[in-house]
Protein backbone atom coordinates (compact mmCIF):
# COMPACT_ATOMS: atom_id res chain seq x y z
CA MET A 1 0.29 0.01 -0.40
CA SER A 2 1.18 3.10 -0.92
CA HIS A 3 0.79 6.70 0.99
CA THR A 4 1.23 10.33 -0.39
CA ALA A 5 4.16 12.55 1.18
CA GLN A 6 1.30 14.93 2.26
CA GLN A 7 -0.92 11.93 4.12
CA ILE A 8 2.61 11.12 6.02
CA SER A 9 3.01 14.88 6.73
CA ASP A 10 -0.07 15.48 8.08
CA LEU A 11 0.19 12.16 10.32
CA VAL A 12 3.28 13.65 12.14
CA GLN A 13 2.12 17.47 11.74
CA GLY A 14 4.99 18.42 9.65
CA GLU A 15 5.51 20.93 6.68
CA ILE A 16 5.95 19.65 3.14
CA LEU A 17 8.60 21.09 1.02
CA GLY A 18 8.79 19.77 -2.62
CA ASN A 19 6.07 17.25 -4.19
CA ALA A 20 3.32 16.35 -1.84
CA ALA A 21 1.69 14.13 -4.28
CA SER A 22 5.06 11.66 -4.32
CA LYS A 23 3.88 8.15 -3.52
CA ILE A 24 5.76 6.58 -0.89
CA SER A 25 5.33 2.68 -0.24
CA GLY A 26 8.40 1.67 2.19
CA VAL A 27 10.79 2.63 4.42
CA ALA A 28 14.81 2.78 3.74
CA THR A 29 17.94 4.06 5.02
CA ILE A 30 19.43 7.17 3.46
CA GLU A 31 21.89 5.60 1.46
CA THR A 32 19.90 2.80 0.06
CA ALA A 33 16.61 4.66 0.07
CA GLY A 34 14.80 4.65 -4.01
CA PRO A 35 12.00 7.10 -5.04
CA LYS A 36 9.12 5.25 -3.79
CA ASP A 37 11.19 5.05 0.03
CA LEU A 38 10.72 7.56 2.76
CA CYS A 39 13.99 7.80 5.14
CA PHE A 40 14.78 10.83 7.82
CA ILE A 41 17.75 12.65 8.88
CA SER A 42 18.33 13.72 12.37
CA ASN A 43 21.68 14.11 12.68
CA LYS A 44 23.12 17.27 10.89
CA LYS A 45 26.49 15.23 10.04
CA TYR A 46 24.09 13.53 7.54
CA LEU A 47 22.90 16.34 5.83
CA HIS A 48 25.26 15.87 2.66
CA HIS A 49 23.49 12.85 1.74
CA LEU A 50 20.52 15.32 0.49
CA GLN A 51 22.77 16.01 -2.13
CA SER A 52 22.85 11.90 -3.55
CA THR A 53 19.77 10.64 -2.22
CA LYS A 54 17.19 8.83 -4.71
CA ALA A 55 14.58 8.57 -1.80
CA GLY A 56 10.99 9.57 -2.65
CA ALA A 57 10.49 11.61 0.71
CA ILE A 58 12.76 12.48 3.57
CA ILE A 59 11.63 13.53 7.08
CA VAL A 60 14.00 16.27 8.06
CA GLY A 61 14.18 18.81 10.79
CA LYS A 62 12.83 22.38 11.01
CA GLU A 63 16.15 24.09 10.10
CA VAL A 64 16.43 22.28 6.64
CA ASN A 65 15.32 25.08 4.13
CA GLU A 66 16.23 23.23 0.80
CA ALA A 67 15.28 20.46 -1.15
CA PRO A 68 18.15 19.83 -3.51
CA ASN A 69 17.37 17.51 -6.58
CA GLY A 70 13.83 18.05 -6.47
CA THR A 71 13.92 15.76 -3.04
CA THR A 72 10.57 15.97 -1.26
CA LEU A 73 11.23 17.16 2.26
CA ILE A 74 8.90 16.54 5.26
CA LYS A 75 10.14 19.05 7.97
CA THR A 76 9.47 17.83 11.79
CA GLU A 77 10.63 19.47 15.19
CA MET A 78 11.94 15.91 15.99
CA PRO A 79 12.78 13.57 12.79
CA TYR A 80 13.83 10.54 14.22
CA VAL A 81 10.51 10.51 16.36
CA ALA A 82 8.14 11.33 13.63
CA PHE A 83 10.01 8.47 11.48
CA CYS A 84 9.16 6.09 14.27
CA GLN A 85 5.53 7.39 14.51
CA VAL A 86 5.25 6.66 10.81
CA LEU A 87 6.72 3.07 11.03
CA ILE A 88 4.38 2.33 14.12
CA GLU A 89 1.22 3.78 12.17
CA LEU A 90 2.13 2.76 8.49
CA PHE A 91 4.48 0.06 7.93
CA ASP A 92 5.09 -1.81 11.20
CA TYR A 93 3.65 -5.67 11.59
CA LYS A 94 0.01 -6.00 12.10
CA ASP A 95 -0.47 -9.18 14.13
CA PRO A 96 -3.23 -11.27 12.76
CA ASN A 97 -3.90 -13.63 15.72
CA SER A 98 -6.62 -13.35 17.98
CA GLY A 99 -8.80 -15.69 20.28
CA ILE A 100 -8.22 -18.52 22.15
CA HIS A 101 -6.08 -21.72 20.71
CA PRO A 102 -8.07 -25.02 21.50
CA THR A 103 -4.56 -26.16 23.06
CA ALA A 104 -4.19 -23.40 25.64
CA VAL A 105 -4.73 -24.85 29.09
CA ILE A 106 -6.41 -22.35 30.97
CA SER A 107 -7.71 -22.55 35.16
CA GLU A 108 -11.58 -22.05 35.93
CA THR A 109 -10.42 -19.45 38.51
CA ALA A 110 -8.27 -17.30 35.64
CA LYS A 111 -10.04 -13.79 34.82
CA ILE A 112 -9.55 -13.26 31.17
CA GLY A 113 -10.27 -9.53 29.67
CA GLU A 114 -11.83 -9.30 26.49
CA ASN A 115 -10.05 -9.37 23.40
CA VAL A 116 -7.19 -11.39 24.39
CA TYR A 117 -5.26 -13.58 22.38
CA ILE A 118 -3.67 -16.77 23.78
CA GLY A 119 -1.90 -18.92 21.53
CA PRO A 120 -0.78 -22.83 21.51
CA TYR A 121 -0.21 -24.61 24.67
CA VAL A 122 -0.01 -21.59 26.86
CA TYR A 123 -0.68 -22.29 30.50
CA ILE A 124 -2.44 -20.13 32.73
CA ALA A 125 -2.76 -21.36 36.40
CA GLU A 126 -5.35 -20.52 39.15
CA GLY A 127 -5.92 -17.19 39.99
CA VAL A 128 -4.21 -15.65 37.17
CA ALA A 129 -5.51 -12.05 35.69
CA VAL A 130 -5.11 -11.18 32.17
CA GLY A 131 -6.07 -7.79 30.93
CA GLU A 132 -8.21 -6.70 28.02
CA GLY A 133 -6.41 -6.63 24.71
CA SER A 134 -3.32 -8.76 26.05
CA LYS A 135 -1.32 -11.48 24.17
CA LEU A 136 0.12 -14.56 24.93
CA TYR A 137 2.21 -16.62 22.20
CA SER A 138 2.79 -20.03 22.35
CA HIS A 139 4.19 -22.00 25.33
CA CYS A 140 4.10 -18.83 27.35
CA SER A 141 3.38 -19.74 31.30
CA LEU A 142 1.64 -17.81 33.89
CA TYR A 143 1.99 -19.55 37.22
CA GLU A 144 -0.77 -18.78 40.54
CA GLY A 145 -1.70 -15.69 41.31
CA SER A 146 0.26 -13.69 38.68
CA SER A 147 -1.12 -11.03 36.35
CA LEU A 148 -0.69 -9.16 32.95
CA GLY A 149 -2.06 -5.65 32.63
CA SER A 150 -3.98 -4.74 29.44
CA GLN A 151 -2.57 -4.40 26.35
CA SER A 152 0.90 -6.03 27.12
CA ILE A 153 2.47 -9.00 25.14
CA LEU A 154 4.26 -12.03 26.20
CA TYR A 155 6.04 -13.70 23.23
CA SER A 156 6.49 -17.44 23.09
CA ASN A 157 8.38 -19.52 25.72
CA VAL A 158 7.85 -16.71 28.46
CA SER A 159 7.53 -17.64 31.94
CA VAL A 160 5.72 -15.83 34.49
CA TYR A 161 6.31 -17.48 37.90
CA HIS A 162 3.70 -17.50 41.10
CA ASP A 163 2.70 -13.90 42.37
CA CYS A 164 4.36 -11.67 40.14
CA HIS A 165 2.62 -8.91 38.32
CA ILE A 166 3.40 -7.17 34.89
CA GLY A 167 1.68 -3.47 34.13
CA LYS A 168 -0.15 -2.37 31.15
CA GLN A 169 1.33 -2.02 27.47
CA THR A 170 4.22 -4.07 28.29
CA ILE A 171 6.30 -6.20 26.24
CA VAL A 172 8.58 -9.42 27.19
CA HIS A 173 10.49 -10.97 24.49
CA SER A 174 10.91 -14.97 24.07
CA GLY A 175 12.83 -16.61 26.85
CA THR A 176 12.68 -14.30 29.68
CA VAL A 177 12.04 -15.62 32.68
CA ILE A 178 10.09 -13.43 35.57
CA GLY A 179 9.96 -14.54 39.09
CA SER A 180 12.84 -17.43 39.26
CA ASP A 181 14.26 -17.86 42.73
CA GLY A 182 16.86 -15.44 43.65
CA PHE A 183 20.52 -16.69 44.27
CA GLY A 184 20.37 -17.11 48.09
CA HIS A 185 22.52 -19.77 49.64
CA ALA A 186 23.83 -19.98 53.24
CA PRO A 187 27.17 -21.59 53.91
CA LEU A 188 27.13 -24.67 56.31
CA PRO A 189 30.20 -25.59 58.39
CA ASP A 190 30.92 -28.45 56.27
CA GLY A 191 31.12 -26.56 53.28
CA THR A 192 27.79 -27.22 51.67
CA TYR A 193 24.95 -25.03 51.25
CA VAL A 194 21.43 -24.55 52.20
CA LYS A 195 19.09 -23.28 49.77
CA ILE A 196 17.50 -19.65 51.33
CA PRO A 197 13.31 -19.77 50.47
CA GLN A 198 12.70 -16.59 48.05
CA ILE A 199 9.60 -15.47 49.48
CA GLY A 200 8.97 -12.23 47.59
CA ASN A 201 8.05 -11.72 43.83
CA VAL A 202 8.71 -9.45 40.76
CA VAL A 203 7.02 -6.21 39.98
CA ILE A 204 6.96 -4.67 36.31
CA GLY A 205 5.51 -1.60 35.88
CA ASP A 206 3.98 0.17 32.73
CA ARG A 207 5.31 0.54 29.26
CA VAL A 208 8.22 -1.60 29.99
CA GLU A 209 9.88 -3.54 27.32
CA ILE A 210 12.14 -6.77 28.18
CA GLY A 211 14.51 -8.41 25.42
CA SER A 212 14.50 -11.80 24.93
CA ASN A 213 16.46 -14.52 27.59
CA CYS A 214 16.61 -12.07 30.60
CA SER A 215 16.14 -13.53 33.91
CA LEU A 216 14.70 -10.94 36.51
CA ASP A 217 14.37 -12.98 39.91
CA ARG A 218 11.97 -12.77 42.79
CA ALA A 219 12.88 -10.89 45.97
CA ASN A 220 14.18 -13.10 49.21
CA MET A 221 11.09 -10.75 50.78
CA GLY A 222 9.39 -8.23 49.31
CA SER A 223 9.75 -7.04 45.76
CA THR A 224 12.15 -7.01 42.63
CA LYS A 225 10.91 -4.05 40.98
CA ILE A 226 11.11 -2.39 37.52
CA GLY A 227 9.83 1.08 36.97
CA HIS A 228 7.33 2.52 34.28
CA GLY A 229 9.12 2.84 30.94
CA CYS A 230 11.85 1.00 31.27
CA ARG A 231 13.67 -0.46 28.19
CA ILE A 232 15.58 -3.36 29.22
CA ASP A 233 18.08 -5.62 26.14
CA ASN A 234 18.35 -9.02 25.79
CA LEU A 235 20.29 -11.12 27.87
CA ILE A 236 20.23 -9.33 31.31
CA GLN A 237 20.62 -10.40 35.05
CA ILE A 238 18.27 -8.37 37.55
CA ALA A 239 19.02 -10.14 40.69
CA HIS A 240 16.86 -10.51 44.00
CA GLY A 241 15.46 -7.39 45.53
CA VAL A 242 16.58 -4.92 42.68
CA GLU A 243 14.75 -1.84 42.15
CA VAL A 244 15.20 0.00 38.62
CA GLY A 245 13.83 3.37 38.45
CA GLU A 246 11.75 4.92 35.86
CA ASN A 247 12.47 5.47 32.33
CA THR A 248 15.74 3.59 33.12
CA ILE A 249 17.66 1.93 30.08
CA ILE A 250 19.93 -1.30 30.43
CA ALA A 251 21.71 -2.80 27.40
CA ALA A 252 22.62 -6.53 26.53
CA GLN A 253 24.58 -8.56 28.80
CA ALA A 254 24.52 -6.08 31.94
CA GLY A 255 24.14 -7.83 35.20
CA ILE A 256 22.55 -6.00 38.40
CA SER A 257 23.28 -7.82 41.72
CA GLY A 258 21.01 -8.28 44.82
CA SER A 259 19.36 -5.69 46.50
CA THR A 260 20.82 -2.66 44.69
CA LYS A 261 18.75 0.52 43.85
CA VAL A 262 19.05 2.20 40.35
CA GLY A 263 17.52 5.82 39.85
CA ASP A 264 15.17 6.90 37.08
CA ASN A 265 16.42 7.78 33.62
CA CYS A 266 19.57 6.02 34.04
CA VAL A 267 21.61 4.55 30.83
CA ILE A 268 23.52 1.25 31.92
CA ALA A 269 25.71 0.32 28.61
CA GLY A 270 26.51 -3.11 27.40
CA GLN A 271 28.21 -5.78 29.68
CA VAL A 272 27.94 -3.63 32.85
CA GLY A 273 28.37 -5.19 36.09
CA ILE A 274 27.01 -3.72 39.24
CA VAL A 275 27.59 -4.91 42.80
CA GLY A 276 24.64 -5.50 45.42
CA HIS A 277 23.43 -3.49 48.15
CA ILE A 278 24.52 0.15 46.60
CA SER A 279 22.34 2.75 45.15
CA ILE A 280 22.63 4.79 41.80
CA ALA A 281 21.60 8.18 41.69
CA ASN A 282 18.89 9.54 38.88
CA LYS A 283 20.26 10.30 35.33
CA VAL A 284 23.24 8.13 35.77
CA GLN A 285 25.15 7.13 32.55
CA ILE A 286 27.55 3.87 32.89
CA GLY A 287 29.74 3.04 30.10
CA ALA A 288 29.88 -0.49 28.39
CA GLN A 289 31.84 -2.98 30.37
CA SER A 290 32.36 -1.07 33.27
CA GLY A 291 32.47 -2.84 36.67
CA VAL A 292 30.70 -0.32 39.72
CA SER A 293 31.82 -1.44 43.17
CA ASN A 294 30.05 1.21 45.22
CA SER A 295 27.20 3.58 45.27
CA ILE A 296 27.12 6.43 42.58
CA LYS A 297 25.32 9.78 44.69
CA ASP A 298 25.82 12.33 42.17
CA GLU A 299 22.74 12.85 39.80
CA GLY A 300 23.51 12.96 36.04
CA GLY A 301 26.83 11.86 36.15
CA LYS A 302 28.60 9.92 33.59
CA TYR A 303 31.34 6.90 34.46
CA THR A 304 33.22 4.34 32.78
CA ASP A 305 36.15 1.67 33.69
CA THR A 306 36.85 -0.73 36.54
CA PRO A 307 36.45 -0.10 39.10
CA HIS A 308 33.93 2.70 37.95
CA LEU A 309 35.38 6.26 37.56
CA PRO A 310 34.10 9.69 36.72
CA LEU A 311 34.15 9.72 32.76
CA GLY A 312 36.87 12.59 32.86
CA GLN A 313 39.12 10.92 35.15
CA ALA A 314 38.77 7.73 33.21
CA ILE A 315 39.88 9.49 29.95
CA ARG A 316 42.91 10.87 31.60
CA SER A 317 43.74 7.52 33.39
CA ARG A 318 43.66 5.84 29.87
CA ILE A 319 46.04 8.43 28.37
CA LEU A 320 48.28 7.76 31.53
CA TYR A 321 48.12 4.34 30.76
CA LYS A 322 49.29 4.22 27.44
CA LYS A 323 52.43 5.93 28.37
CA LEU A 324 53.73 3.95 31.35
CA PRO A 325 56.06 1.65 29.02
CA GLU A 326 57.55 4.80 28.31
CA MET A 327 57.61 6.13 31.88
CA GLU A 328 59.14 2.74 32.92
CA LYS A 329 61.72 3.11 30.71
CA ARG A 330 62.64 6.58 31.36
CA ILE A 331 62.55 5.31 35.23
CA SER A 332 64.90 2.67 34.29
CA ASN A 333 67.21 5.16 32.65
CA ILE A 334 67.29 7.53 35.73
CA GLU A 335 67.63 4.73 38.08
CA LYS A 336 70.84 3.64 36.25
CA ASP A 337 71.89 6.95 35.80
CA LEU A 338 71.86 7.55 39.51
CA LYS A 339 73.74 3.92 40.22
CA ASP A 340 76.71 5.01 38.03
CA SER A 341 77.16 8.75 39.22
CA SER A 342 77.57 7.21 42.99
CA GLU A 343 79.90 4.59 42.37
């Protein structure tokens, strides 16, 4: 299905510069787009592509006032956000699934809202509540007393253990486990361990997205909490009793140890490791592969390295580290000269 540039501009409340009747039937990058494709530029350093692109229409910022080579521009305040809006409304996958598959196993005590899709071999236990318009794909499991808010999605093979709760408009991707036991084991005198019961739960807020193959452990007591609007990437470990504030982003392969509290609007990059029983202030950014070993109290700080350091200090340390071989050689020469002069 094709759409005119004007229709797309109206959707994003944009301003047309060029041919408003230009037909658009697909999306592409600025480098690969053809005459029927829509693309976008949100970073000024890519504006030079306007001279060579063959795109049918381009979403750009308000500062662009010229459409070279007859290109049609759609001017908006936030080009990337506008492009995402177009993708969602016009080009995103439209799920055709509906109804309840006959192989699903649903307890008589479960409460299922209207317009819910329940796929093949889904298991819904006693006392579960599923909100209206939600979707559960094949082989998902919701155990006793758990709940899923309205308009939420669990993709195939998601497991939600007993008494765990997921909010509205939340997406959980395949293979993720919510509410598995926290890692609690008490050592005994003979060198063995006794398992510490994990009697808490996991509570996930609204508008959260959790990637595939993540583990969110239930608390020993109380709740492991994920705040509204969080974005959690694939392959992430959230340990028992962790609390993550609202709108925080956690990238792939990061791990947060037990009872740590992460503030609102933080950014935790890939492969970051955070020890337990500490707190991280709001709006903190932590660089990839950093190891956070104690609390970060300053709001809005940027940190990197292991153990973590403020970004500026870490950069200076890296520069110094590169000079260590040269410094070692100079020190050796100085020591030799001092020894020779003393003889």
